[in-house]
Protein backbone atom coordinates (compact mmCIF):
# COMPACT_ATOMS: atom_id res chain seq x y z
CA UNK A 1 13.26 59.19 26.18
CA UNK A 2 14.51 56.76 28.82
CA UNK A 3 11.03 55.28 29.30
CA UNK A 4 10.61 54.96 25.55
CA UNK A 5 13.89 53.09 25.15
CA UNK A 6 13.02 50.86 28.10
CA UNK A 7 9.62 50.00 26.61
CA UNK A 8 11.35 49.31 23.30
CA UNK A 9 13.68 46.88 25.08
CA UNK A 10 10.74 44.97 26.62
CA UNK A 11 8.95 44.87 23.27
CA UNK A 12 12.09 43.43 21.75
CA UNK A 13 12.33 40.76 24.47
CA UNK A 14 8.70 39.72 23.90
CA UNK A 15 9.19 39.69 20.11
CA UNK A 16 12.28 37.49 20.44
CA UNK A 17 10.48 35.01 22.72
CA UNK A 18 7.62 34.70 20.18
CA UNK A 19 10.07 34.22 17.31
CA UNK A 20 12.03 31.59 19.21
CA UNK A 21 8.79 29.67 19.84
CA UNK A 22 7.79 29.96 16.17
CA UNK A 23 11.17 28.99 14.69
CA UNK A 24 11.55 26.08 17.12
CA UNK A 25 8.38 24.53 15.68
CA UNK A 26 9.67 24.61 12.09
CA UNK A 27 11.09 21.62 10.26
CA UNK A 28 14.40 20.66 11.86
CA UNK A 29 17.46 21.65 9.80
CA UNK A 30 20.86 23.32 10.18
CA UNK A 31 19.29 26.58 9.01
CA UNK A 32 16.58 26.33 11.64
CA UNK A 33 19.09 25.44 14.39
CA UNK A 34 21.42 28.33 13.58
CA UNK A 35 18.52 30.80 13.62
CA UNK A 36 17.24 29.46 16.95
CA UNK A 37 20.70 29.90 18.48
CA UNK A 38 20.96 33.40 16.99
CA UNK A 39 17.61 34.38 18.49
CA UNK A 40 18.52 32.93 21.90
CA UNK A 41 21.83 34.82 21.99
CA UNK A 42 20.04 38.04 20.95
CA UNK A 43 17.47 37.50 23.70
CA UNK A 44 20.17 37.01 26.38
CA UNK A 45 21.99 40.13 25.16
CA UNK A 46 18.77 42.18 25.18
CA UNK A 47 17.73 40.99 28.64
CA UNK A 48 21.21 41.72 30.05
CA UNK A 49 21.31 45.20 28.55
CA UNK A 50 17.78 45.94 29.81
CA UNK A 51 18.96 44.99 33.30
CA UNK A 52 21.98 47.30 32.89
CA UNK A 53 19.71 50.21 31.88
CA UNK A 54 17.84 49.84 35.19
CA UNK A 55 20.90 49.16 37.40
CA UNK A 56 21.10 51.36 40.58
CA UNK A 57 24.89 51.04 40.96
CA UNK A 58 28.10 49.90 39.34
CA UNK A 59 28.08 46.39 40.82
CA UNK A 60 24.58 45.57 39.50
CA UNK A 61 25.37 47.18 36.15
CA UNK A 62 28.54 45.10 35.81
CA UNK A 63 26.70 41.87 36.62
CA UNK A 64 24.13 42.78 33.95
CA UNK A 65 26.91 43.45 31.43
CA UNK A 66 28.50 40.06 32.16
CA UNK A 67 25.09 38.37 31.69
CA UNK A 68 24.57 40.24 28.38
CA UNK A 69 27.91 38.99 27.04
CA UNK A 70 26.75 35.36 27.31
CA UNK A 71 24.56 36.31 24.37
CA UNK A 72 26.38 39.27 22.82
CA UNK A 73 29.59 37.29 22.24
CA UNK A 74 27.72 34.73 20.15
CA UNK A 75 25.28 36.91 18.17
CA UNK A 76 27.52 37.65 15.20
CA UNK A 77 28.93 34.08 15.22
CA UNK A 78 25.46 32.54 14.93
CA UNK A 79 24.48 35.20 12.38
CA UNK A 80 27.48 34.09 10.31
CA UNK A 81 26.50 30.41 10.60
CA UNK A 82 22.92 31.26 9.59
CA UNK A 83 24.02 33.14 6.45
CA UNK A 84 26.44 30.34 5.52
CA UNK A 85 23.69 27.72 5.84
CA UNK A 86 21.30 29.88 3.84
CA UNK A 87 23.91 30.13 1.06
CA UNK A 88 24.51 26.35 1.21
CA UNK A 89 28.13 26.78 2.24
CA UNK A 90 29.54 24.26 4.67
CA UNK A 91 31.58 25.79 7.50
CA UNK A 92 34.57 23.54 8.25
CA UNK A 93 34.43 21.92 11.67
CA UNK A 94 37.79 23.34 12.69
CA UNK A 95 36.63 26.87 11.78
CA UNK A 96 33.41 26.45 13.79
CA UNK A 97 35.41 25.26 16.81
CA UNK A 98 37.86 28.19 16.47
CA UNK A 99 35.15 30.86 16.20
CA UNK A 100 33.13 29.31 19.01
CA UNK A 101 36.25 29.22 21.21
CA UNK A 102 36.83 32.95 20.57
CA UNK A 103 33.24 33.62 21.78
CA UNK A 104 33.92 31.60 24.93
CA UNK A 105 37.17 33.50 25.54
CA UNK A 106 35.41 36.86 25.23
CA UNK A 107 32.82 35.73 27.82
CA UNK A 108 35.68 34.67 30.09
CA UNK A 109 37.49 37.97 29.68
CA UNK A 110 34.37 39.99 30.56
CA UNK A 111 33.45 37.90 33.59
CA UNK A 112 37.03 38.12 34.96
CA UNK A 113 37.58 41.75 34.03
CA UNK A 114 38.33 42.88 37.61
CA UNK A 115 41.52 40.78 37.55
CA UNK A 116 42.95 42.29 34.35
CA UNK A 117 42.66 45.13 31.85
CA UNK A 118 42.89 43.11 28.65
CA UNK A 119 39.31 43.62 27.49
CA UNK A 120 38.23 46.73 29.42
CA UNK A 121 41.04 49.03 30.52
CA UNK A 122 38.70 50.82 32.97
CA UNK A 123 35.10 50.47 34.15
CA UNK A 124 33.08 53.35 35.67
CA UNK A 125 29.39 53.98 36.28
CA UNK A 126 27.48 57.22 35.71
CA UNK A 127 23.91 58.35 36.04
CA UNK A 128 24.36 61.22 33.63
CA UNK A 129 22.90 61.14 30.15
CA UNK A 130 19.65 59.45 29.08
CA UNK A 131 19.89 56.81 31.81
CA UNK A 132 22.39 55.24 34.18
CA UNK A 133 25.04 53.29 32.25
CA UNK A 134 28.54 51.91 32.30
CA UNK A 135 31.47 53.85 30.86
CA UNK A 136 33.85 51.27 29.48
CA UNK A 137 37.32 52.03 28.19
CA UNK A 138 38.44 49.46 25.66
CA UNK A 139 41.51 47.32 26.09
CA UNK A 140 43.74 45.66 23.49
CA UNK A 141 41.67 42.46 23.15
CA UNK A 142 38.43 44.45 22.82
CA UNK A 143 39.90 46.27 19.81
CA UNK A 144 41.11 42.98 18.35
CA UNK A 145 37.67 41.44 18.87
CA UNK A 146 36.05 44.49 17.23
CA UNK A 147 38.29 43.99 14.20
CA UNK A 148 37.33 40.33 14.21
CA UNK A 149 33.63 41.28 14.24
CA UNK A 150 34.25 43.63 11.31
CA UNK A 151 35.72 40.70 9.39
CA UNK A 152 32.59 38.71 10.22
CA UNK A 153 30.41 41.48 8.80
CA UNK A 154 32.45 41.84 5.62
CA UNK A 155 32.30 38.06 4.99
CA UNK A 156 28.54 38.07 5.52
CA UNK A 157 28.09 41.04 3.17
CA UNK A 158 30.22 39.30 0.54
CA UNK A 159 28.11 36.12 0.82
CA UNK A 160 24.87 38.08 0.52
CA UNK A 161 26.10 39.89 -2.61
CA UNK A 162 27.23 36.61 -4.19
CA UNK A 163 23.93 34.89 -3.38
CA UNK A 164 22.02 37.84 -4.85
CA UNK A 165 24.00 37.69 -8.09
CA UNK A 166 23.77 33.92 -8.46
CA UNK A 167 20.01 33.52 -8.04
CA UNK A 168 17.24 34.47 -10.47
CA UNK A 169 14.44 33.94 -7.98
CA UNK A 170 12.75 37.20 -6.98
CA UNK A 171 11.74 35.69 -3.62
CA UNK A 172 15.31 34.67 -2.75
CA UNK A 173 16.65 38.07 -3.87
CA UNK A 174 14.20 39.81 -1.52
CA UNK A 175 15.28 37.49 1.30
CA UNK A 176 18.96 38.28 0.62
CA UNK A 177 18.31 42.03 0.54
CA UNK A 178 16.59 41.87 3.93
CA UNK A 179 19.51 39.92 5.41
CA UNK A 180 21.92 42.42 3.90
CA UNK A 181 19.94 45.24 5.54
CA UNK A 182 20.07 43.38 8.86
CA UNK A 183 23.88 43.05 8.70
CA UNK A 184 24.39 46.61 7.51
CA UNK A 185 22.23 47.96 10.33
CA UNK A 186 24.27 45.97 12.87
CA UNK A 187 27.51 47.36 11.47
CA UNK A 188 26.28 50.96 11.53
CA UNK A 189 25.00 50.59 15.10
CA UNK A 190 28.37 49.18 16.22
CA UNK A 191 30.26 52.06 14.59
CA UNK A 192 27.97 54.66 16.20
CA UNK A 193 28.46 53.07 19.61
CA UNK A 194 32.25 52.84 19.25
CA UNK A 195 32.43 56.49 18.21
CA UNK A 196 30.40 57.37 21.35
CA UNK A 197 27.78 59.22 19.31
CA UNK A 198 24.78 57.60 21.07
CA UNK A 199 25.03 59.36 24.47
CA UNK A 200 25.80 56.10 26.31
CA UNK A 201 23.12 53.96 24.63
CA UNK A 202 24.39 50.68 23.14
CA UNK A 203 22.81 50.88 19.67
CA UNK A 204 23.90 47.30 18.87
CA UNK A 205 21.09 46.11 21.15
CA UNK A 206 18.65 48.19 19.11
CA UNK A 207 20.16 46.80 15.89
CA UNK A 208 19.73 43.23 17.09
CA UNK A 209 16.13 44.06 17.96
CA UNK A 210 15.62 45.42 14.44
CA UNK A 211 17.21 42.24 13.10
CA UNK A 212 14.60 40.23 15.02
CA UNK A 213 11.82 42.13 13.26
CA UNK A 214 13.55 41.60 9.91
CA UNK A 215 13.59 37.87 10.61
CA UNK A 216 9.90 38.04 11.45
CA UNK A 217 9.31 39.69 8.08
CA UNK A 218 11.37 37.02 6.35
CA UNK A 219 9.43 34.21 7.99
CA UNK A 220 5.95 35.68 7.58
CA UNK A 221 5.96 37.39 4.20
CA UNK A 222 8.74 35.59 2.39
CA UNK A 223 8.15 32.24 4.15
CA UNK A 224 11.80 31.53 4.85
CA UNK A 225 11.10 28.18 6.47
CA UNK A 226 8.06 27.21 4.39
CA UNK A 227 9.92 25.86 1.37
CA UNK A 228 9.41 22.27 2.52
CA UNK A 229 5.78 22.92 3.43
CA UNK A 230 5.13 24.66 0.10
CA UNK A 231 6.82 21.79 -1.74
CA UNK A 232 4.57 19.31 0.06
CA UNK A 233 1.49 21.34 -0.80
CA UNK A 234 2.58 21.57 -4.44
CA UNK A 235 3.23 17.84 -4.67
CA UNK A 236 -0.02 16.88 -2.91
CA UNK A 237 -2.18 19.26 -4.92
CA UNK A 238 -0.77 18.09 -8.26
CA UNK A 239 -0.20 14.42 -7.48
CA UNK A 240 -1.74 11.96 -9.93
CA UNK A 241 -3.60 10.16 -7.14
CA UNK A 242 -6.69 11.63 -5.53
CA UNK A 243 -6.23 12.51 -1.85
CA UNK A 244 -8.96 13.22 0.70
CA UNK A 245 -8.14 14.21 4.30
CA UNK A 246 -10.80 13.71 6.98
CA UNK A 247 -10.97 14.52 10.68
CA UNK A 248 -11.68 11.93 13.38
CA UNK A 249 -15.42 12.39 12.80
CA UNK A 250 -15.17 11.61 9.09
CA UNK A 251 -15.71 15.20 7.94
CA UNK A 252 -13.69 16.13 4.85
CA UNK A 253 -10.97 18.71 5.55
CA UNK A 254 -9.10 18.73 2.25
CA UNK A 255 -9.15 17.20 -1.22
CA UNK A 256 -6.62 17.75 -4.01
CA UNK A 257 -7.46 18.46 -7.66
CA UNK A 258 -7.57 14.82 -8.76
CA UNK A 259 -9.87 13.93 -5.87
CA UNK A 260 -12.13 16.90 -6.65
CA UNK A 261 -12.82 15.55 -10.14
CA UNK A 262 -13.69 12.10 -8.81
CA UNK A 263 -15.82 13.45 -5.95
CA UNK A 264 -17.68 15.78 -8.33
CA UNK A 265 -18.70 12.82 -10.49
CA UNK A 266 -19.72 10.72 -7.46
CA UNK A 267 -21.70 13.62 -5.98
CA UNK A 268 -23.77 13.72 -9.17
CA UNK A 269 -24.62 10.03 -8.74
CA UNK A 270 -26.14 10.35 -5.27
CA UNK A 271 -25.59 11.17 -1.62
CA UNK A 272 -23.24 9.64 0.96
CA UNK A 273 -20.59 9.05 -1.71
CA UNK A 274 -17.76 9.63 0.78
CA UNK A 275 -19.10 7.00 3.19
CA UNK A 276 -19.42 4.55 0.29
CA UNK A 277 -15.83 5.23 -0.71
CA UNK A 278 -14.65 4.57 2.84
CA UNK A 279 -16.62 1.30 2.96
CA UNK A 280 -15.17 0.25 -0.40
CA UNK A 281 -11.66 1.05 0.82
CA UNK A 282 -12.19 -1.02 3.99
CA UNK A 283 -13.32 -3.98 1.86
CA UNK A 284 -10.39 -3.52 -0.58
CA UNK A 285 -12.77 -2.88 -3.47
CA UNK A 286 -11.98 -0.90 -6.60
CA UNK A 287 -13.72 2.29 -7.71
CA UNK A 288 -14.94 2.33 -11.33
CA UNK A 289 -15.59 5.62 -13.12
CA UNK A 290 -17.24 5.41 -16.57
CA UNK A 291 -14.74 7.69 -18.32
CA UNK A 292 -11.45 9.47 -17.69
CA UNK A 293 -11.87 13.26 -17.77
CA UNK A 294 -8.93 15.39 -16.65
CA UNK A 295 -8.90 19.13 -16.37
CA UNK A 296 -7.06 20.87 -19.20
CA UNK A 297 -7.41 17.90 -21.56
CA UNK A 298 -9.98 16.95 -24.15
CA UNK A 299 -12.68 14.64 -22.93
CA UNK A 300 -11.53 11.10 -23.32
CA UNK A 301 -14.10 8.44 -24.02
CA UNK A 302 -13.15 4.84 -23.36
CA UNK A 303 -14.93 1.53 -23.60
CA UNK A 304 -13.23 0.54 -20.36
CA UNK A 305 -13.98 2.24 -17.06
CA UNK A 306 -11.30 4.11 -15.16
CA UNK A 307 -10.26 1.95 -12.21
CA UNK A 308 -9.05 3.41 -8.91
CA UNK A 309 -7.45 1.55 -6.03
CA UNK A 310 -8.69 2.88 -2.68
CA UNK A 311 -6.39 3.11 0.34
CA UNK A 312 -7.59 4.26 3.77
CA UNK A 313 -5.01 5.19 6.43
CA UNK A 314 -5.19 6.55 9.97
CA UNK A 315 -3.35 9.80 10.77
CA UNK A 316 -1.62 9.08 14.07
CA UNK A 317 1.11 10.47 16.27
CA UNK A 318 1.99 7.99 18.96
CA UNK A 319 -1.27 6.61 20.34
CA UNK A 320 -3.33 9.65 19.35
CA UNK A 321 -5.54 9.60 16.24
CA UNK A 322 -6.09 12.81 14.31
CA UNK A 323 -8.09 11.66 11.31
CA UNK A 324 -7.86 9.63 8.10
CA UNK A 325 -6.56 9.91 4.57
CA UNK A 326 -8.25 8.30 1.58
CA UNK A 327 -6.05 7.83 -1.48
CA UNK A 328 -7.53 7.05 -4.91
CA UNK A 329 -4.81 5.76 -7.23
CA UNK A 330 -5.69 5.14 -10.87
CA UNK A 331 -4.62 1.63 -11.91
CA UNK A 332 -6.69 1.34 -15.11
CA UNK A 333 -3.89 0.00 -17.32
CA UNK A 334 -2.55 -2.32 -14.65
CA UNK A 335 -6.04 -3.55 -13.73
CA UNK A 336 -7.07 -4.40 -17.28
CA UNK A 337 -3.65 -5.79 -18.09
CA UNK A 338 -3.88 -8.06 -15.05
CA UNK A 339 -7.48 -8.94 -15.92
CA UNK A 340 -6.52 -9.78 -19.50
CA UNK A 341 -3.50 -11.71 -18.26
CA UNK A 342 -5.67 -13.68 -15.84
CA UNK A 343 -8.22 -14.30 -18.61
CA UNK A 344 -5.49 -15.53 -20.97
CA UNK A 345 -4.00 -17.65 -18.21
CA UNK A 346 -7.38 -19.24 -17.46
CA UNK A 347 -7.93 -19.87 -21.17
CA UNK A 348 -4.50 -21.43 -21.58
CA UNK A 349 -5.02 -23.45 -18.41
CA UNK A 350 -8.35 -24.74 -19.74
CA UNK A 351 -6.65 -25.66 -23.00
CA UNK A 352 -3.86 -27.50 -21.20
CA UNK A 353 -6.36 -29.26 -18.93
CA UNK A 354 -8.45 -30.25 -21.98
CA UNK A 355 -5.37 -31.65 -23.71
CA UNK A 356 -4.42 -33.54 -20.56
CA UNK A 357 -7.91 -34.94 -20.17
CA UNK A 358 -8.11 -35.84 -23.86
CA UNK A 359 -4.81 -37.70 -23.61
CA UNK A 360 -5.96 -39.55 -20.49
CA UNK A 361 -9.34 -40.19 -22.13
CA UNK A 362 -7.56 -41.61 -25.18
CA UNK A 363 -5.72 -44.03 -22.95
CA UNK A 364 -9.05 -45.01 -21.42
CA UNK A 365 -10.47 -45.58 -24.91
CA UNK A 366 -7.46 -47.71 -25.81
CA UNK A 367 -8.07 -49.77 -22.69
CA UNK A 368 -11.75 -50.20 -23.63
CA UNK A 369 -10.60 -51.28 -27.10
CA UNK A 370 -8.82 -54.23 -25.46
CA UNK A 371 -12.31 -55.22 -24.32
CA UNK A 372 -13.43 -55.25 -27.96
CA UNK A 373 -15.25 -51.92 -27.77
CA UNK A 374 -14.73 -48.89 -30.03
CA UNK A 375 -14.74 -46.44 -27.13
CA UNK A 376 -18.43 -45.70 -27.54
CA UNK A 377 -19.16 -46.79 -23.96
CA UNK A 378 -16.83 -44.06 -22.68
CA UNK A 379 -18.49 -41.48 -24.90
CA UNK A 380 -22.01 -42.58 -23.94
CA UNK A 381 -21.41 -42.69 -20.21
CA UNK A 382 -19.72 -39.28 -20.37
CA UNK A 383 -22.73 -37.80 -22.19
CA UNK A 384 -25.21 -39.44 -19.80
CA UNK A 385 -23.30 -38.14 -16.78
CA UNK A 386 -23.21 -34.60 -18.21
CA UNK A 387 -26.98 -34.56 -18.78
CA UNK A 388 -27.64 -36.08 -15.36
CA UNK A 389 -25.48 -33.65 -13.36
CA UNK A 390 -27.07 -30.71 -15.20
CA UNK A 391 -30.51 -32.00 -14.23
CA UNK A 392 -29.39 -32.52 -10.63
CA UNK A 393 -27.94 -28.98 -10.47
CA UNK A 394 -31.46 -27.59 -10.92
CA UNK A 395 -32.97 -29.81 -8.21
CA UNK A 396 -33.35 -28.28 -4.72
CA UNK A 397 -31.63 -31.29 -3.14
CA UNK A 398 -28.41 -30.81 -5.12
CA UNK A 399 -28.28 -27.22 -6.39
CA UNK A 400 -25.98 -26.12 -3.53
CA UNK A 401 -23.66 -29.08 -4.13
CA UNK A 402 -23.46 -29.34 -7.91
CA UNK A 403 -21.89 -26.15 -9.25
CA UNK A 404 -21.07 -25.66 -12.96
CA UNK A 405 -17.41 -26.42 -12.18
CA UNK A 406 -18.36 -29.60 -10.34
CA UNK A 407 -20.62 -30.71 -13.22
CA UNK A 408 -17.78 -30.18 -15.75
CA UNK A 409 -15.33 -32.17 -13.64
CA UNK A 410 -17.74 -35.08 -13.09
CA UNK A 411 -18.54 -35.28 -16.83
CA UNK A 412 -14.82 -35.16 -17.72
CA UNK A 413 -13.84 -37.72 -15.08
CA UNK A 414 -16.54 -40.17 -16.22
CA UNK A 415 -14.29 -41.29 -19.10
CA UNK A 416 -11.76 -42.62 -16.59
CA UNK A 417 -14.03 -44.82 -14.49
CA UNK A 418 -12.84 -48.11 -16.09
CA UNK A 419 -9.18 -47.16 -16.54
CA UNK A 420 -8.23 -49.86 -14.04
CA UNK A 421 -9.03 -52.52 -16.68
CA UNK A 422 -5.51 -51.94 -18.00
CA UNK A 423 -4.40 -54.34 -15.27
CA UNK A 424 -6.87 -57.09 -16.26
CA UNK A 425 -5.48 -59.82 -18.55
CA UNK A 426 -6.87 -60.10 -22.09
CA UNK A 427 -8.03 -63.68 -21.50
CA UNK A 428 -10.49 -62.36 -18.91
CA UNK A 429 -11.50 -59.12 -20.65
CA UNK A 430 -12.14 -60.84 -23.99
CA UNK A 431 -13.70 -64.06 -22.67
CA UNK A 432 -17.15 -64.57 -24.18
CA UNK A 433 -18.44 -67.09 -21.72
CA UNK A 434 -19.21 -66.85 -18.02
CA UNK A 435 -16.28 -65.94 -15.79
CA UNK A 436 -15.10 -68.38 -13.17
CA UNK A 437 -15.01 -67.29 -9.54
CA UNK A 438 -11.26 -66.80 -9.79
CA UNK A 439 -11.58 -64.76 -12.99
CA UNK A 440 -14.40 -62.70 -11.52
CA UNK A 441 -12.24 -61.94 -8.47
CA UNK A 442 -9.53 -60.63 -10.81
CA UNK A 443 -12.11 -58.57 -12.74
CA UNK A 444 -13.36 -57.04 -9.47
CA UNK A 445 -9.88 -55.65 -8.82
CA UNK A 446 -10.12 -53.08 -11.63
CA UNK A 447 -11.70 -50.34 -9.40
CA UNK A 448 -8.72 -50.41 -7.00
CA UNK A 449 -6.26 -50.51 -9.90
CA UNK A 450 -7.99 -47.58 -11.56
CA UNK A 451 -7.97 -45.56 -8.33
CA UNK A 452 -4.26 -46.28 -7.85
CA UNK A 453 -3.40 -45.25 -11.40
CA UNK A 454 -5.39 -42.02 -11.20
CA UNK A 455 -3.98 -41.09 -7.81
CA UNK A 456 -0.40 -41.34 -9.09
CA UNK A 457 -1.12 -39.89 -12.55
CA UNK A 458 -3.40 -36.92 -11.89
CA UNK A 459 -1.80 -35.48 -8.75
CA UNK A 460 0.68 -33.37 -10.75
CA UNK A 461 -1.70 -32.53 -13.61
CA UNK A 462 -5.04 -31.60 -12.10
CA UNK A 463 -6.53 -29.72 -9.16
CA UNK A 464 -7.36 -31.60 -5.99
CA UNK A 465 -11.15 -31.60 -6.55
CA UNK A 466 -10.91 -33.19 -10.01
CA UNK A 467 -8.45 -35.80 -8.71
CA UNK A 468 -10.82 -36.65 -5.88
CA UNK A 469 -13.84 -36.96 -8.22
CA UNK A 470 -11.97 -39.15 -10.74
CA UNK A 471 -10.59 -41.30 -7.90
CA UNK A 472 -14.06 -41.77 -6.34
CA UNK A 473 -15.70 -42.65 -9.67
CA UNK A 474 -13.01 -45.22 -10.53
CA UNK A 475 -12.99 -46.84 -7.07
CA UNK A 476 -16.68 -46.81 -6.13
CA UNK A 477 -18.72 -47.00 -9.39
CA UNK A 478 -19.52 -50.69 -8.69
CA UNK A 479 -20.71 -50.02 -5.13
CA UNK A 480 -24.46 -50.51 -4.57
CA UNK A 481 -26.77 -48.36 -2.53
CA UNK A 482 -27.76 -51.32 -0.32
CA UNK A 483 -24.13 -52.20 0.45
CA UNK A 484 -23.86 -55.37 -1.70
CA UNK A 485 -21.45 -53.91 -4.26
CA UNK A 486 -17.65 -54.00 -4.47
CA UNK A 487 -14.81 -53.40 -3.75
CA UNK A 488 -15.55 -52.09 -0.22
CA UNK A 489 -19.25 -52.86 0.26
CA UNK A 490 -20.17 -49.37 1.46
CA UNK A 491 -23.76 -48.22 1.19
CA UNK A 492 -26.10 -45.23 0.99
CA UNK A 493 -24.49 -41.82 1.11
CA UNK A 494 -21.23 -43.36 2.24
CA UNK A 495 -20.73 -43.83 -1.48
CA UNK A 496 -19.38 -40.53 -2.90
CA UNK A 497 -21.91 -38.56 -4.95
CA UNK A 498 -19.83 -38.74 -8.14
CA UNK A 499 -19.68 -42.55 -7.91
CA UNK A 500 -23.48 -42.77 -7.36
CA UNK A 501 -23.99 -40.67 -10.51
CA UNK A 502 -21.51 -42.81 -12.45
CA UNK A 503 -23.24 -46.04 -11.41
CA UNK A 504 -26.58 -44.97 -12.91
CA UNK A 505 -25.08 -43.86 -16.25
CA UNK A 506 -22.75 -46.86 -16.48
CA UNK A 507 -25.46 -49.47 -15.99
CA UNK A 508 -28.04 -47.80 -18.25
CA UNK A 509 -25.60 -47.63 -21.17
CA UNK A 510 -24.67 -51.29 -20.59
CA UNK A 511 -28.38 -52.27 -20.64
CA UNK A 512 -29.09 -50.39 -23.87
CA UNK A 513 -25.92 -51.42 -25.75
CA UNK A 514 -25.57 -54.40 -28.06
CA UNK A 515 -22.98 -56.99 -27.06
CA UNK A 516 -21.77 -60.22 -28.70
CA UNK A 517 -23.28 -62.20 -25.87
CA UNK A 518 -26.59 -60.26 -25.90
CA UNK A 519 -28.74 -57.85 -27.81
CA UNK A 520 -29.28 -54.40 -26.39
CA UNK A 521 -32.33 -54.23 -24.13
CA UNK A 522 -35.29 -52.16 -25.18
CA UNK A 523 -35.94 -48.78 -23.67
CA UNK A 524 -38.92 -50.14 -21.70
CA UNK A 525 -37.02 -53.13 -20.32
CA UNK A 526 -34.04 -51.00 -19.39
CA UNK A 527 -36.28 -48.51 -17.59
CA UNK A 528 -37.99 -51.38 -15.76
CA UNK A 529 -34.62 -52.73 -14.58
CA UNK A 530 -33.61 -49.25 -13.45
CA UNK A 531 -36.92 -48.90 -11.57
CA UNK A 532 -36.37 -52.25 -9.92
CA UNK A 533 -32.88 -51.26 -8.81
CA UNK A 534 -33.98 -47.97 -7.25
CA UNK A 535 -32.85 -47.96 -3.62
CA UNK A 536 -31.00 -51.26 -3.97
CA UNK A 537 -28.39 -50.73 -6.67
CA UNK A 538 -28.89 -46.99 -7.21
CA UNK A 539 -29.40 -43.89 -5.12
CA UNK A 540 -33.20 -43.55 -5.33
CA UNK A 541 -33.18 -39.78 -5.83
CA UNK A 542 -30.57 -39.88 -8.58
CA UNK A 543 -32.26 -42.83 -10.28
CA UNK A 544 -35.60 -41.00 -10.11
CA UNK A 545 -34.18 -37.85 -11.72
CA UNK A 546 -32.50 -39.98 -14.40
CA UNK A 547 -35.77 -41.69 -15.33
CA UNK A 548 -37.75 -38.43 -15.21
CA UNK A 549 -35.45 -37.12 -17.96
CA UNK A 550 -35.12 -40.39 -19.88
CA UNK A 551 -35.93 -38.71 -23.19
CA UNK A 552 -32.87 -36.47 -22.83
CA UNK A 553 -30.80 -39.50 -21.86
CA UNK A 554 -31.96 -41.42 -24.92
CA UNK A 555 -31.14 -38.50 -27.20
CA UNK A 556 -27.45 -38.59 -26.23
CA UNK A 557 -27.37 -42.35 -26.95
CA UNK A 558 -28.84 -42.04 -30.48
CA UNK A 559 -25.46 -41.37 -32.07
CA UNK A 560 -23.96 -44.39 -30.37
CA UNK A 561 -26.71 -46.72 -31.54
CA UNK A 562 -26.36 -45.44 -35.10
CA UNK A 563 -22.62 -46.05 -35.12
CA UNK A 564 -23.02 -49.51 -33.58
CA UNK A 565 -21.09 -51.10 -30.76
CA UNK A 566 -19.07 -54.29 -31.08
CA UNK A 567 -17.72 -56.66 -28.53
CA UNK A 568 -18.83 -57.90 -25.13
CA UNK A 569 -18.77 -55.35 -22.32
CA UNK A 570 -17.97 -57.01 -19.00
CA UNK A 571 -20.21 -55.41 -16.32
CA UNK A 572 -20.05 -58.45 -14.07
């Protein structure tokens, strides 16, 4: 029997060590801390009593008893704290300090027992019975402490009964019943030992061992500390976003229900879908699924694809990497709302820009009207420029430069090329005869005036590219390819592209238009002049493309010739 009890003690010690290791790794909380302390105190008590069972004499046995009390004094206290935490009852700080102090006092009384008889009135050692053991006669404080322990037990039993009655959860009720059994077993073992019915064996040690196995049952079967983990699993598995967990090698370890539906569809489309998803996530791309189908719902057909935002994150602890998570969050409504909002914003912006350009163009037409012209020159040059830039956009030399946006801006800005004439006096603009040198010098100032006006007017209304194009066309449309133009005398490709385009359209419309001081030149004569000016006045490549598509150019001038054009246009 002695060997059996001794083996049981060692099994208990091993079981407690394993449980301490397991509980210590659980999520940190007051409940976890109180259970760890309870297990440690039970372990110290069990080790001390095991040493006492093998003691050869009184002195060794007494030292073992003192060691055991460093755990035994605290077992019921930590059991009480554990039950209180489990029942969500806060133990007042003063009460915790008082009860802890009593445990310390009991340890002090046992370790100093040879100097007094307050806790043990007498201490003897015998080898009779099942095994060698101490015979301890109880003093006054021992009896008081026993009564105190009984109060502990009754409070714990009361809390367990109340918790059992308050909850409707079958899991929690089973947990409470097991704790109740643990406390009841400890009480019975204490009573048996006090009544000396155990032949010298301290059955409280056996009861605490049984309590350790009850805790093991609570943790394993009823998952006492897994509530947080189970909650996380529940949330992750039923979250609206798809979640995929991968190891460091990219192998999939887990996917929740939402992710399974998405991955099932992608798997049907082809192989390597997971790698493609990872690449899309790295490039911040969206995932489009043709239709939204969710388990438990009727199939939902939609004209718009389901849109998922992909997020890839590293799983790290410190500097170590453990894998990756891929989150697929559906943003269909937000995506299409944003897309529609952006579309509406672009449309409204285009409308505002059109209104702005129309207003500015109207001012330009009013300025041309001062020159005796109905505004047809502005319309014609704008149409010629639009046809020309479209032709150039298809040519290998310009297709990388002239984008659709650039072509639109050049055509729109063409109306503003002569806006600087607002600063030219009427006597010069409307003069029918030849201009004097002084008058011609004033006329030649209109490119700088136009550039100045546009720079100050457009900067708050238009984007930078349009402002630059309009500025260049106004300032440089009278520059010549050979450097003999004005106002700056630049040549070749020093002249901005938009201004070189404007020069060709501006001159051709002037040649073909009827003026008070001249008839409009014929198509053949105008083409001849344009041919002559290739490489001198005009960029040869642009002039060549213009003449190659002269039929298209003439078509956009037909309306102007039918409406007529009055007044002298100064192209001096």
